[in-house]
Amino acid sequence: MTSVIIAGDSWGLGEWGGNITYGISHKGIEQYFNDYGFRVENVSSPGASNKFSISLLSQTLQSKSFDYIFWFQSEPLRDIPPINFKSVLEISEKQYDLLVKSYTTLNEIGQPVYCLGGCSKINVEMISSFHNLIPVIPSITEFLLQDYKHPSVWQSNPDVVIPENYLDLDSLKQVINWYEEKLRLSNYTEMFYPDGSHPNRYGHKIIYNYIMENVIGDRF
């Protein structure tokens, strides 16, 4: 039996029912893999940082093996406590450094990891240096929504990036724009209803179909 493990944050858990406190209303790609007959383990965790999800994945792989590993990339800034950033450039540089660390650790798992950009876009240029990491879908939002541009910072924890007394005016405007772009997802009810922040079961089905065609491929 083909085996699959899914790791990441809330995006790896499926469709959320209107409010994150309401729980999962559909298990997304996990459910579709199960329905196909695969053995599936999901170690995704709501609000997980990349550092945490990679650590949990690595621990699981110490005692179990899987044919396919799928990892949903979260917001890099979740790896750190709130910081008083002074500019957008400083935010970008910190994100870059955190992603390098995440990709390095993930690559050390030593087998192919199929990566999906959830809360944050995969840095395709950077990840190309890591031979075990395959960017299957660099940005799920942009994959599902042709007219949507994923914000550079997801701002799941606004305290990290919105210290108004530190950011210069232009940087603050950019941060506000990032936040507005995140909120705009709720307008795309076909793919991001009911909670407006995570792909629903229909979005996950498109993701699953793409994975089956482009990753699992001719084996099935």
N, C-alpha and C. Protein backbone atom coordinates (compact mmCIF):
# COMPACT_ATOMS: atom_id res chain seq x y z
N MET A 1 0.85 -1.20 0.00
CA MET A 1 0.00 0.00 0.00
C MET A 1 0.88 1.25 0.00
N THR A 2 0.57 2.17 -0.88
CA THR A 2 1.31 3.43 -0.95
C THR A 2 1.05 4.25 0.31
N SER A 3 2.14 4.81 0.86
CA SER A 3 2.02 5.57 2.11
C SER A 3 2.40 7.03 1.90
N VAL A 4 1.68 7.89 2.60
CA VAL A 4 1.86 9.34 2.48
C VAL A 4 1.88 9.96 3.87
N ILE A 5 2.77 10.93 4.08
CA ILE A 5 2.73 11.73 5.29
C ILE A 5 2.59 13.20 4.91
N ILE A 6 1.74 13.90 5.63
CA ILE A 6 1.49 15.32 5.41
C ILE A 6 1.93 16.08 6.64
N ALA A 7 2.68 17.16 6.45
CA ALA A 7 3.15 17.97 7.57
C ALA A 7 2.95 19.44 7.24
N GLY A 8 2.86 20.26 8.28
CA GLY A 8 2.69 21.69 8.08
C GLY A 8 1.86 22.32 9.18
N ASP A 9 1.19 23.39 8.82
CA ASP A 9 0.34 24.09 9.79
C ASP A 9 -1.13 23.78 9.49
N SER A 10 -2.03 24.71 9.77
CA SER A 10 -3.46 24.47 9.57
C SER A 10 -3.82 24.21 8.11
N TRP A 11 -3.01 24.71 7.18
CA TRP A 11 -3.30 24.49 5.77
C TRP A 11 -3.19 23.01 5.41
N GLY A 12 -2.40 22.26 6.14
CA GLY A 12 -2.25 20.84 5.86
C GLY A 12 -3.37 19.98 6.41
N LEU A 13 -4.28 20.59 7.19
CA LEU A 13 -5.33 19.84 7.86
C LEU A 13 -6.65 19.83 7.09
N GLY A 14 -6.78 20.70 6.09
CA GLY A 14 -7.99 20.67 5.28
C GLY A 14 -8.84 21.91 5.40
N GLU A 15 -10.15 21.73 5.24
CA GLU A 15 -11.12 22.82 5.26
C GLU A 15 -11.53 23.14 6.69
N TRP A 16 -11.49 24.44 7.00
CA TRP A 16 -11.90 24.89 8.34
C TRP A 16 -13.31 25.45 8.29
N GLY A 17 -14.11 25.12 9.30
CA GLY A 17 -15.53 25.41 9.27
C GLY A 17 -15.95 26.77 9.76
N GLY A 18 -15.70 27.79 8.98
CA GLY A 18 -16.20 29.13 9.28
C GLY A 18 -15.34 29.91 10.23
N ASN A 19 -14.93 29.30 11.30
CA ASN A 19 -14.04 29.92 12.27
C ASN A 19 -13.10 28.83 12.74
N ILE A 20 -11.83 29.18 12.93
CA ILE A 20 -10.85 28.14 13.26
C ILE A 20 -11.22 27.39 14.54
N THR A 21 -12.00 28.03 15.41
CA THR A 21 -12.39 27.36 16.64
C THR A 21 -13.46 26.31 16.38
N TYR A 22 -14.08 26.33 15.20
CA TYR A 22 -15.11 25.35 14.88
C TYR A 22 -14.52 24.02 14.43
N GLY A 23 -13.23 24.01 14.15
CA GLY A 23 -12.59 22.76 13.78
C GLY A 23 -12.65 22.44 12.29
N ILE A 24 -12.15 21.26 11.98
CA ILE A 24 -12.05 20.81 10.59
C ILE A 24 -13.39 20.29 10.10
N SER A 25 -13.82 20.79 8.94
CA SER A 25 -15.07 20.31 8.34
C SER A 25 -14.81 19.35 7.18
N HIS A 26 -13.57 19.28 6.71
CA HIS A 26 -13.16 18.30 5.69
C HIS A 26 -11.65 18.19 5.75
N LYS A 27 -11.12 16.99 5.63
CA LYS A 27 -9.69 16.76 5.83
C LYS A 27 -8.83 17.02 4.59
N GLY A 28 -9.41 17.60 3.57
CA GLY A 28 -8.62 18.04 2.43
C GLY A 28 -7.90 16.91 1.72
N ILE A 29 -6.64 17.16 1.35
CA ILE A 29 -5.90 16.16 0.58
C ILE A 29 -5.73 14.86 1.37
N GLU A 30 -5.69 14.95 2.69
CA GLU A 30 -5.63 13.73 3.50
C GLU A 30 -6.82 12.83 3.19
N GLN A 31 -8.01 13.42 3.15
CA GLN A 31 -9.22 12.64 2.87
C GLN A 31 -9.19 12.05 1.47
N TYR A 32 -8.72 12.83 0.49
CA TYR A 32 -8.70 12.34 -0.88
C TYR A 32 -7.68 11.22 -1.05
N PHE A 33 -6.53 11.32 -0.39
CA PHE A 33 -5.56 10.22 -0.42
C PHE A 33 -6.15 8.97 0.22
N ASN A 34 -6.82 9.15 1.35
CA ASN A 34 -7.47 8.02 2.02
C ASN A 34 -8.50 7.37 1.12
N ASP A 35 -9.32 8.18 0.48
CA ASP A 35 -10.37 7.66 -0.40
C ASP A 35 -9.78 6.86 -1.56
N TYR A 36 -8.58 7.24 -1.99
CA TYR A 36 -7.93 6.53 -3.10
C TYR A 36 -7.35 5.20 -2.65
N GLY A 37 -7.18 5.06 -1.34
CA GLY A 37 -6.65 3.80 -0.81
C GLY A 37 -5.24 3.88 -0.28
N PHE A 38 -4.70 5.08 -0.17
CA PHE A 38 -3.36 5.24 0.39
C PHE A 38 -3.41 5.16 1.92
N ARG A 39 -2.29 4.78 2.51
CA ARG A 39 -2.13 4.90 3.96
C ARG A 39 -1.60 6.29 4.25
N VAL A 40 -2.33 7.05 5.06
CA VAL A 40 -2.00 8.45 5.26
C VAL A 40 -1.81 8.76 6.74
N GLU A 41 -0.74 9.50 7.04
CA GLU A 41 -0.56 10.05 8.38
C GLU A 41 -0.40 11.57 8.23
N ASN A 42 -1.09 12.31 9.07
CA ASN A 42 -1.04 13.77 9.00
C ASN A 42 -0.55 14.31 10.33
N VAL A 43 0.63 14.96 10.31
CA VAL A 43 1.20 15.51 11.54
C VAL A 43 1.15 17.04 11.52
N SER A 44 0.29 17.59 10.67
CA SER A 44 0.12 19.05 10.63
C SER A 44 -0.50 19.53 11.94
N SER A 45 -0.22 20.79 12.28
CA SER A 45 -0.71 21.33 13.54
C SER A 45 -1.13 22.79 13.35
N PRO A 46 -2.31 23.18 13.85
CA PRO A 46 -2.76 24.57 13.68
C PRO A 46 -1.77 25.57 14.26
N GLY A 47 -1.44 26.60 13.49
CA GLY A 47 -0.54 27.64 13.96
C GLY A 47 0.92 27.24 14.02
N ALA A 48 1.26 26.07 13.49
CA ALA A 48 2.63 25.59 13.58
C ALA A 48 3.58 26.46 12.77
N SER A 49 4.73 26.69 13.34
CA SER A 49 5.81 27.35 12.60
C SER A 49 6.48 26.33 11.69
N ASN A 50 7.28 26.81 10.75
CA ASN A 50 8.04 25.89 9.91
C ASN A 50 9.00 25.05 10.76
N LYS A 51 9.63 25.69 11.70
CA LYS A 51 10.58 24.99 12.57
C LYS A 51 9.89 23.86 13.31
N PHE A 52 8.69 24.13 13.84
CA PHE A 52 7.97 23.10 14.59
C PHE A 52 7.51 21.97 13.68
N SER A 53 6.94 22.31 12.53
CA SER A 53 6.40 21.27 11.65
C SER A 53 7.51 20.38 11.10
N ILE A 54 8.66 20.97 10.82
CA ILE A 54 9.78 20.16 10.32
C ILE A 54 10.32 19.26 11.42
N SER A 55 10.37 19.79 12.64
CA SER A 55 10.83 18.98 13.77
C SER A 55 9.90 17.80 14.01
N LEU A 56 8.59 18.04 13.97
CA LEU A 56 7.62 16.97 14.17
C LEU A 56 7.70 15.94 13.05
N LEU A 57 7.86 16.42 11.83
CA LEU A 57 8.01 15.51 10.69
C LEU A 57 9.25 14.65 10.85
N SER A 58 10.37 15.26 11.22
CA SER A 58 11.63 14.52 11.39
C SER A 58 11.51 13.46 12.47
N GLN A 59 10.87 13.81 13.58
CA GLN A 59 10.68 12.85 14.67
C GLN A 59 9.85 11.65 14.21
N THR A 60 8.81 11.91 13.45
CA THR A 60 7.94 10.84 12.97
C THR A 60 8.70 9.91 12.03
N LEU A 61 9.55 10.49 11.19
CA LEU A 61 10.28 9.69 10.20
C LEU A 61 11.39 8.85 10.83
N GLN A 62 11.70 9.11 12.07
CA GLN A 62 12.70 8.29 12.75
C GLN A 62 12.20 6.87 13.01
N SER A 63 10.88 6.74 13.12
CA SER A 63 10.32 5.41 13.43
C SER A 63 9.40 4.87 12.35
N LYS A 64 9.10 5.68 11.35
CA LYS A 64 8.20 5.25 10.29
C LYS A 64 8.75 5.69 8.94
N SER A 65 8.37 4.99 7.90
CA SER A 65 8.78 5.37 6.55
C SER A 65 7.55 5.56 5.68
N PHE A 66 7.69 6.44 4.69
CA PHE A 66 6.59 6.77 3.79
C PHE A 66 7.11 6.88 2.37
N ASP A 67 6.24 6.57 1.42
CA ASP A 67 6.62 6.70 0.02
C ASP A 67 6.67 8.16 -0.42
N TYR A 68 5.78 8.99 0.14
CA TYR A 68 5.70 10.39 -0.25
C TYR A 68 5.57 11.27 0.99
N ILE A 69 6.32 12.36 0.98
CA ILE A 69 6.26 13.36 2.04
C ILE A 69 5.77 14.67 1.43
N PHE A 70 4.70 15.22 2.01
CA PHE A 70 4.18 16.51 1.56
C PHE A 70 4.23 17.50 2.72
N TRP A 71 4.81 18.66 2.47
CA TRP A 71 5.01 19.67 3.52
C TRP A 71 4.43 21.01 3.07
N PHE A 72 3.53 21.55 3.91
CA PHE A 72 2.94 22.86 3.67
C PHE A 72 3.79 23.93 4.37
N GLN A 73 4.33 24.85 3.59
CA GLN A 73 5.17 25.91 4.16
C GLN A 73 4.31 26.95 4.85
N SER A 74 4.67 27.27 6.09
CA SER A 74 3.97 28.29 6.86
C SER A 74 4.69 29.62 6.75
N GLU A 75 4.22 30.59 7.48
CA GLU A 75 4.84 31.91 7.50
C GLU A 75 6.18 31.84 8.24
N PRO A 76 7.29 32.22 7.62
CA PRO A 76 8.60 32.12 8.27
C PRO A 76 8.69 32.84 9.61
N LEU A 77 8.00 33.98 9.74
CA LEU A 77 8.10 34.77 10.96
C LEU A 77 7.49 34.09 12.17
N ARG A 78 6.76 33.00 11.96
CA ARG A 78 6.24 32.23 13.09
C ARG A 78 7.37 31.56 13.88
N ASP A 79 8.53 31.47 13.27
CA ASP A 79 9.66 30.82 13.94
C ASP A 79 10.26 31.66 15.06
N ILE A 80 9.89 32.92 15.13
CA ILE A 80 10.53 33.82 16.09
C ILE A 80 9.48 34.54 16.96
N PRO A 81 9.89 35.04 18.11
CA PRO A 81 8.98 35.85 18.92
C PRO A 81 8.80 37.23 18.28
N PRO A 82 7.83 38.02 18.74
CA PRO A 82 7.62 39.37 18.17
C PRO A 82 8.90 40.20 18.18
N ILE A 83 9.14 40.87 17.07
CA ILE A 83 10.33 41.72 16.91
C ILE A 83 9.88 43.10 16.44
N ASN A 84 10.53 44.12 16.91
CA ASN A 84 10.23 45.48 16.46
C ASN A 84 11.01 45.79 15.19
N PHE A 85 10.46 45.40 14.06
CA PHE A 85 11.10 45.68 12.79
C PHE A 85 11.05 47.18 12.49
N LYS A 86 12.06 47.64 11.77
CA LYS A 86 12.15 49.07 11.45
C LYS A 86 11.81 49.37 10.00
N SER A 87 11.78 48.34 9.14
CA SER A 87 11.51 48.58 7.73
C SER A 87 11.06 47.28 7.06
N VAL A 88 10.46 47.43 5.88
CA VAL A 88 10.09 46.27 5.09
C VAL A 88 11.32 45.47 4.69
N LEU A 89 12.42 46.16 4.40
CA LEU A 89 13.65 45.48 4.04
C LEU A 89 14.12 44.57 5.17
N GLU A 90 14.03 45.04 6.38
CA GLU A 90 14.44 44.24 7.53
C GLU A 90 13.54 43.00 7.67
N ILE A 91 12.25 43.18 7.43
CA ILE A 91 11.32 42.05 7.48
C ILE A 91 11.70 41.02 6.42
N SER A 92 11.96 41.49 5.21
CA SER A 92 12.29 40.59 4.10
C SER A 92 13.58 39.83 4.36
N GLU A 93 14.57 40.52 4.89
CA GLU A 93 15.85 39.87 5.19
C GLU A 93 15.70 38.81 6.26
N LYS A 94 14.87 39.10 7.26
CA LYS A 94 14.65 38.11 8.33
C LYS A 94 13.91 36.90 7.79
N GLN A 95 12.90 37.13 6.97
CA GLN A 95 12.18 36.01 6.37
C GLN A 95 13.12 35.13 5.55
N TYR A 96 13.99 35.78 4.80
CA TYR A 96 14.94 35.05 3.95
C TYR A 96 15.83 34.15 4.80
N ASP A 97 16.38 34.71 5.86
CA ASP A 97 17.26 33.94 6.74
C ASP A 97 16.53 32.76 7.38
N LEU A 98 15.29 32.99 7.79
CA LEU A 98 14.52 31.92 8.42
C LEU A 98 14.19 30.80 7.43
N LEU A 99 13.91 31.18 6.18
CA LEU A 99 13.62 30.17 5.17
C LEU A 99 14.85 29.33 4.85
N VAL A 100 16.01 29.96 4.80
CA VAL A 100 17.25 29.20 4.57
C VAL A 100 17.41 28.12 5.64
N LYS A 101 17.17 28.51 6.88
CA LYS A 101 17.28 27.54 7.99
C LYS A 101 16.25 26.42 7.84
N SER A 102 15.03 26.78 7.49
CA SER A 102 13.98 25.77 7.35
C SER A 102 14.30 24.80 6.21
N TYR A 103 14.68 25.34 5.07
CA TYR A 103 14.99 24.48 3.93
C TYR A 103 16.20 23.59 4.21
N THR A 104 17.17 24.13 4.90
CA THR A 104 18.36 23.35 5.23
C THR A 104 17.99 22.15 6.10
N THR A 105 17.20 22.40 7.13
CA THR A 105 16.78 21.32 8.03
C THR A 105 15.88 20.31 7.32
N LEU A 106 14.97 20.80 6.52
CA LEU A 106 14.05 19.92 5.79
C LEU A 106 14.82 19.05 4.80
N ASN A 107 15.80 19.63 4.15
CA ASN A 107 16.60 18.90 3.17
C ASN A 107 17.38 17.76 3.82
N GLU A 108 17.74 17.94 5.09
CA GLU A 108 18.53 16.94 5.81
C GLU A 108 17.73 15.69 6.14
N ILE A 109 16.43 15.70 5.90
CA ILE A 109 15.64 14.49 6.07
C ILE A 109 16.17 13.39 5.18
N GLY A 110 16.72 13.77 4.03
CA GLY A 110 17.44 12.82 3.20
C GLY A 110 16.62 12.07 2.17
N GLN A 111 15.39 12.48 1.97
CA GLN A 111 14.57 11.90 0.92
C GLN A 111 13.68 12.99 0.33
N PRO A 112 13.09 12.77 -0.83
CA PRO A 112 12.31 13.84 -1.46
C PRO A 112 11.17 14.32 -0.58
N VAL A 113 11.07 15.65 -0.48
CA VAL A 113 9.98 16.30 0.24
C VAL A 113 9.26 17.20 -0.76
N TYR A 114 7.99 16.95 -0.97
CA TYR A 114 7.20 17.72 -1.93
C TYR A 114 6.56 18.90 -1.20
N CYS A 115 6.96 20.10 -1.60
CA CYS A 115 6.63 21.32 -0.84
C CYS A 115 5.50 22.10 -1.49
N LEU A 116 4.61 22.61 -0.63
CA LEU A 116 3.48 23.42 -1.09
C LEU A 116 3.46 24.72 -0.32
N GLY A 117 3.35 25.83 -1.05
CA GLY A 117 3.33 27.13 -0.41
C GLY A 117 1.95 27.47 0.11
N GLY A 118 1.79 27.48 1.43
CA GLY A 118 0.51 27.78 2.04
C GLY A 118 0.44 29.21 2.52
N CYS A 119 0.67 29.42 3.82
CA CYS A 119 0.69 30.79 4.36
C CYS A 119 1.71 31.66 3.65
N SER A 120 2.81 31.07 3.23
CA SER A 120 3.83 31.85 2.52
C SER A 120 4.24 31.12 1.25
N LYS A 121 4.66 31.90 0.27
CA LYS A 121 5.11 31.35 -1.00
C LYS A 121 6.48 30.69 -0.84
N ILE A 122 6.66 29.59 -1.53
CA ILE A 122 7.97 28.97 -1.57
C ILE A 122 8.91 29.85 -2.39
N ASN A 123 10.11 30.02 -1.87
CA ASN A 123 11.14 30.75 -2.60
C ASN A 123 11.76 29.78 -3.60
N VAL A 124 11.27 29.81 -4.83
CA VAL A 124 11.66 28.81 -5.83
C VAL A 124 13.15 28.89 -6.14
N GLU A 125 13.68 30.09 -6.23
CA GLU A 125 15.11 30.24 -6.52
C GLU A 125 15.95 29.65 -5.38
N MET A 126 15.58 29.95 -4.15
CA MET A 126 16.33 29.45 -3.01
C MET A 126 16.24 27.94 -2.89
N ILE A 127 15.04 27.42 -3.02
CA ILE A 127 14.82 25.99 -2.77
C ILE A 127 15.49 25.12 -3.83
N SER A 128 15.81 25.69 -4.98
CA SER A 128 16.47 24.93 -6.04
C SER A 128 17.86 24.46 -5.62
N SER A 129 18.42 25.06 -4.58
CA SER A 129 19.75 24.66 -4.09
C SER A 129 19.68 23.42 -3.20
N PHE A 130 18.48 23.00 -2.85
CA PHE A 130 18.31 21.88 -1.94
C PHE A 130 17.74 20.69 -2.73
N HIS A 131 18.59 19.70 -2.98
CA HIS A 131 18.23 18.67 -3.95
C HIS A 131 17.10 17.75 -3.50
N ASN A 132 16.78 17.71 -2.20
CA ASN A 132 15.70 16.86 -1.73
C ASN A 132 14.34 17.56 -1.71
N LEU A 133 14.32 18.86 -1.97
CA LEU A 133 13.09 19.64 -1.85
C LEU A 133 12.51 19.96 -3.22
N ILE A 134 11.27 19.55 -3.44
CA ILE A 134 10.61 19.75 -4.73
C ILE A 134 9.42 20.69 -4.55
N PRO A 135 9.47 21.88 -5.14
CA PRO A 135 8.35 22.83 -5.01
C PRO A 135 7.20 22.47 -5.93
N VAL A 136 6.28 21.67 -5.45
CA VAL A 136 5.18 21.18 -6.28
C VAL A 136 4.24 22.32 -6.65
N ILE A 137 3.81 23.07 -5.63
CA ILE A 137 2.95 24.24 -5.85
C ILE A 137 3.55 25.39 -5.04
N PRO A 138 4.28 26.30 -5.67
CA PRO A 138 4.95 27.38 -4.94
C PRO A 138 4.01 28.26 -4.13
N SER A 139 2.80 28.50 -4.66
CA SER A 139 1.81 29.28 -3.92
C SER A 139 0.43 28.69 -4.20
N ILE A 140 -0.19 28.15 -3.18
CA ILE A 140 -1.52 27.55 -3.35
C ILE A 140 -2.55 28.61 -3.73
N THR A 141 -2.47 29.79 -3.11
CA THR A 141 -3.45 30.83 -3.42
C THR A 141 -3.36 31.23 -4.89
N GLU A 142 -2.15 31.43 -5.38
CA GLU A 142 -1.98 31.84 -6.78
C GLU A 142 -2.29 30.70 -7.74
N PHE A 143 -2.11 29.48 -7.28
CA PHE A 143 -2.45 28.31 -8.09
C PHE A 143 -3.96 28.18 -8.26
N LEU A 144 -4.69 28.43 -7.18
CA LEU A 144 -6.15 28.30 -7.22
C LEU A 144 -6.84 29.53 -7.78
N LEU A 145 -6.21 30.71 -7.61
CA LEU A 145 -6.84 31.98 -7.98
C LEU A 145 -5.95 32.72 -8.97
N GLN A 146 -6.35 32.79 -10.20
CA GLN A 146 -5.50 33.33 -11.25
C GLN A 146 -5.24 34.83 -11.11
N ASP A 147 -6.13 35.56 -10.43
CA ASP A 147 -5.98 37.02 -10.32
C ASP A 147 -5.53 37.45 -8.92
N TYR A 148 -4.97 36.52 -8.16
CA TYR A 148 -4.57 36.83 -6.78
C TYR A 148 -3.05 36.81 -6.65
N LYS A 149 -2.50 37.81 -5.97
CA LYS A 149 -1.07 37.85 -5.69
C LYS A 149 -0.87 37.65 -4.19
N HIS A 150 -0.18 36.60 -3.83
CA HIS A 150 -0.01 36.28 -2.41
C HIS A 150 0.86 37.33 -1.73
N PRO A 151 0.43 37.82 -0.55
CA PRO A 151 1.23 38.84 0.14
C PRO A 151 2.59 38.30 0.57
N SER A 152 3.58 39.17 0.58
CA SER A 152 4.94 38.77 0.96
C SER A 152 5.01 38.32 2.41
N VAL A 153 4.14 38.89 3.25
CA VAL A 153 4.06 38.50 4.65
C VAL A 153 2.60 38.19 4.95
N TRP A 154 2.35 37.02 5.53
CA TRP A 154 0.97 36.58 5.78
C TRP A 154 0.37 37.23 7.01
N GLN A 155 1.21 37.60 7.98
CA GLN A 155 0.77 38.28 9.19
C GLN A 155 -0.25 37.49 9.99
N SER A 156 0.06 36.24 10.26
CA SER A 156 -0.79 35.46 11.15
C SER A 156 -0.63 35.94 12.59
N ASN A 157 0.50 36.58 12.85
CA ASN A 157 0.73 37.20 14.16
C ASN A 157 1.11 38.66 13.93
N PRO A 158 0.13 39.56 13.84
CA PRO A 158 0.42 40.96 13.51
C PRO A 158 1.39 41.63 14.47
N ASP A 159 1.49 41.14 15.70
CA ASP A 159 2.40 41.76 16.66
C ASP A 159 3.86 41.68 16.20
N VAL A 160 4.14 40.71 15.32
CA VAL A 160 5.51 40.54 14.85
C VAL A 160 5.93 41.67 13.93
N VAL A 161 5.01 42.18 13.12
CA VAL A 161 5.41 43.09 12.05
C VAL A 161 4.73 44.46 12.09
N ILE A 162 3.90 44.73 13.08
CA ILE A 162 3.21 46.02 13.08
C ILE A 162 3.49 46.81 14.38
N PRO A 163 4.74 47.13 14.65
CA PRO A 163 5.02 48.06 15.75
C PRO A 163 5.05 49.47 15.17
N GLU A 164 3.90 50.15 15.13
CA GLU A 164 3.77 51.41 14.40
C GLU A 164 4.81 52.45 14.80
N ASN A 165 5.28 52.38 16.03
CA ASN A 165 6.25 53.38 16.47
C ASN A 165 7.66 53.09 15.97
N TYR A 166 7.84 51.97 15.24
CA TYR A 166 9.16 51.65 14.70
C TYR A 166 9.21 51.75 13.18
N LEU A 167 8.18 51.24 12.50
CA LEU A 167 8.20 51.23 11.05
C LEU A 167 8.09 52.65 10.48
N ASP A 168 8.84 52.91 9.41
CA ASP A 168 8.67 54.17 8.70
C ASP A 168 7.33 54.14 7.96
N LEU A 169 6.87 55.30 7.51
CA LEU A 169 5.53 55.41 6.94
C LEU A 169 5.35 54.53 5.72
N ASP A 170 6.32 54.52 4.81
CA ASP A 170 6.19 53.70 3.61
C ASP A 170 6.12 52.21 3.96
N SER A 171 6.92 51.80 4.93
CA SER A 171 6.90 50.40 5.35
C SER A 171 5.57 50.04 5.99
N LEU A 172 5.04 50.95 6.79
CA LEU A 172 3.77 50.71 7.44
C LEU A 172 2.65 50.55 6.41
N LYS A 173 2.69 51.38 5.36
CA LYS A 173 1.69 51.26 4.30
C LYS A 173 1.79 49.90 3.61
N GLN A 174 3.01 49.42 3.42
CA GLN A 174 3.20 48.12 2.79
C GLN A 174 2.66 47.00 3.68
N VAL A 175 2.92 47.10 4.97
CA VAL A 175 2.43 46.11 5.91
C VAL A 175 0.90 46.07 5.91
N ILE A 176 0.28 47.24 5.88
CA ILE A 176 -1.18 47.32 5.82
C ILE A 176 -1.70 46.68 4.52
N ASN A 177 -0.98 46.92 3.43
CA ASN A 177 -1.37 46.33 2.14
C ASN A 177 -1.29 44.81 2.20
N TRP A 178 -0.25 44.27 2.85
CA TRP A 178 -0.14 42.82 3.01
C TRP A 178 -1.36 42.27 3.74
N TYR A 179 -1.73 42.97 4.79
CA TYR A 179 -2.86 42.51 5.60
C TYR A 179 -4.17 42.57 4.81
N GLU A 180 -4.34 43.63 4.02
CA GLU A 180 -5.54 43.75 3.21
C GLU A 180 -5.62 42.66 2.15
N GLU A 181 -4.45 42.29 1.58
CA GLU A 181 -4.43 41.21 0.60
C GLU A 181 -4.83 39.89 1.23
N LYS A 182 -4.38 39.67 2.46
CA LYS A 182 -4.78 38.45 3.16
C LYS A 182 -6.29 38.41 3.36
N LEU A 183 -6.87 39.52 3.79
CA LEU A 183 -8.31 39.58 4.03
C LEU A 183 -9.10 39.39 2.75
N ARG A 184 -8.50 39.78 1.61
CA ARG A 184 -9.21 39.71 0.33
C ARG A 184 -9.52 38.27 -0.08
N LEU A 185 -8.84 37.31 0.52
CA LEU A 185 -9.11 35.92 0.20
C LEU A 185 -10.56 35.53 0.47
N SER A 186 -11.15 36.17 1.47
CA SER A 186 -12.53 35.83 1.83
C SER A 186 -13.51 36.14 0.71
N ASN A 187 -13.09 36.95 -0.28
CA ASN A 187 -13.95 37.25 -1.42
C ASN A 187 -14.08 36.06 -2.38
N TYR A 188 -13.13 35.14 -2.30
CA TYR A 188 -13.10 34.01 -3.23
C TYR A 188 -13.82 32.82 -2.59
N THR A 189 -15.13 32.91 -2.54
CA THR A 189 -15.91 31.93 -1.80
C THR A 189 -15.87 30.53 -2.43
N GLU A 190 -15.62 30.45 -3.72
CA GLU A 190 -15.59 29.14 -4.37
C GLU A 190 -14.48 28.26 -3.83
N MET A 191 -13.34 28.88 -3.48
CA MET A 191 -12.18 28.13 -3.03
C MET A 191 -11.83 28.34 -1.55
N PHE A 192 -12.30 29.46 -0.95
CA PHE A 192 -11.87 29.79 0.41
C PHE A 192 -13.04 30.02 1.37
N TYR A 193 -14.20 29.48 1.03
CA TYR A 193 -15.33 29.47 1.94
C TYR A 193 -15.37 28.10 2.63
N PRO A 194 -15.63 28.00 3.95
CA PRO A 194 -16.32 29.02 4.75
C PRO A 194 -15.47 29.96 5.60
N ASP A 195 -14.20 29.65 5.88
CA ASP A 195 -13.50 30.50 6.86
C ASP A 195 -12.77 31.68 6.23
N GLY A 196 -12.57 31.67 4.91
CA GLY A 196 -11.97 32.81 4.23
C GLY A 196 -10.47 32.90 4.33
N SER A 197 -9.82 31.92 4.93
CA SER A 197 -8.36 31.96 5.10
C SER A 197 -7.67 30.67 4.68
N HIS A 198 -8.42 29.61 4.51
CA HIS A 198 -7.84 28.32 4.13
C HIS A 198 -8.59 27.77 2.91
N PRO A 199 -7.90 27.02 2.04
CA PRO A 199 -8.61 26.38 0.93
C PRO A 199 -9.68 25.43 1.47
N ASN A 200 -10.82 25.41 0.81
CA ASN A 200 -11.87 24.49 1.21
C ASN A 200 -11.68 23.14 0.51
N ARG A 201 -12.65 22.26 0.67
CA ARG A 201 -12.52 20.91 0.11
C ARG A 201 -12.39 20.93 -1.41
N TYR A 202 -12.99 21.93 -2.07
CA TYR A 202 -12.90 22.01 -3.53
C TYR A 202 -11.50 22.46 -3.96
N GLY A 203 -10.94 23.40 -3.20
CA GLY A 203 -9.55 23.79 -3.45
C GLY A 203 -8.60 22.63 -3.21
N HIS A 204 -8.84 21.90 -2.13
CA HIS A 204 -7.98 20.75 -1.83
C HIS A 204 -8.11 19.66 -2.88
N LYS A 205 -9.28 19.54 -3.47
CA LYS A 205 -9.44 18.52 -4.52
C LYS A 205 -8.59 18.90 -5.74
N ILE A 206 -8.53 20.18 -6.07
CA ILE A 206 -7.70 20.62 -7.19
C ILE A 206 -6.22 20.37 -6.87
N ILE A 207 -5.83 20.68 -5.64
CA ILE A 207 -4.46 20.42 -5.21
C ILE A 207 -4.15 18.93 -5.30
N TYR A 208 -5.06 18.12 -4.80
CA TYR A 208 -4.89 16.66 -4.83
C TYR A 208 -4.76 16.15 -6.28
N ASN A 209 -5.64 16.61 -7.15
CA ASN A 209 -5.58 16.17 -8.55
C ASN A 209 -4.24 16.53 -9.18
N TYR A 210 -3.75 17.72 -8.87
CA TYR A 210 -2.46 18.15 -9.43
C TYR A 210 -1.33 17.26 -8.90
N ILE A 211 -1.38 16.94 -7.62
CA ILE A 211 -0.36 16.07 -7.03
C ILE A 211 -0.41 14.69 -7.68
N MET A 212 -1.60 14.15 -7.84
CA MET A 212 -1.73 12.82 -8.42
C MET A 212 -1.19 12.78 -9.85
N GLU A 213 -1.42 13.86 -10.59
CA GLU A 213 -0.97 13.91 -11.98
C GLU A 213 0.52 14.20 -12.10
N ASN A 214 1.05 15.06 -11.24
CA ASN A 214 2.41 15.55 -11.42
C ASN A 214 3.45 14.98 -10.47
N VAL A 215 3.00 14.36 -9.39
CA VAL A 215 3.93 13.74 -8.44
C VAL A 215 3.81 12.23 -8.45
N ILE A 216 2.60 11.73 -8.19
CA ILE A 216 2.39 10.29 -8.16
C ILE A 216 2.49 9.73 -9.58
N GLY A 217 1.87 10.42 -10.52
CA GLY A 217 2.07 10.18 -11.94
C GLY A 217 1.65 8.81 -12.45
N ASP A 218 2.49 8.26 -13.31
CA ASP A 218 2.12 7.06 -14.07
C ASP A 218 2.10 5.79 -13.24
N ARG A 219 2.49 5.88 -11.99
CA ARG A 219 2.51 4.66 -11.17
C ARG A 219 1.10 4.14 -10.88
N PHE A 220 0.10 5.01 -11.04
CA PHE A 220 -1.25 4.61 -10.66
C PHE A 220 -2.24 4.87 -11.78
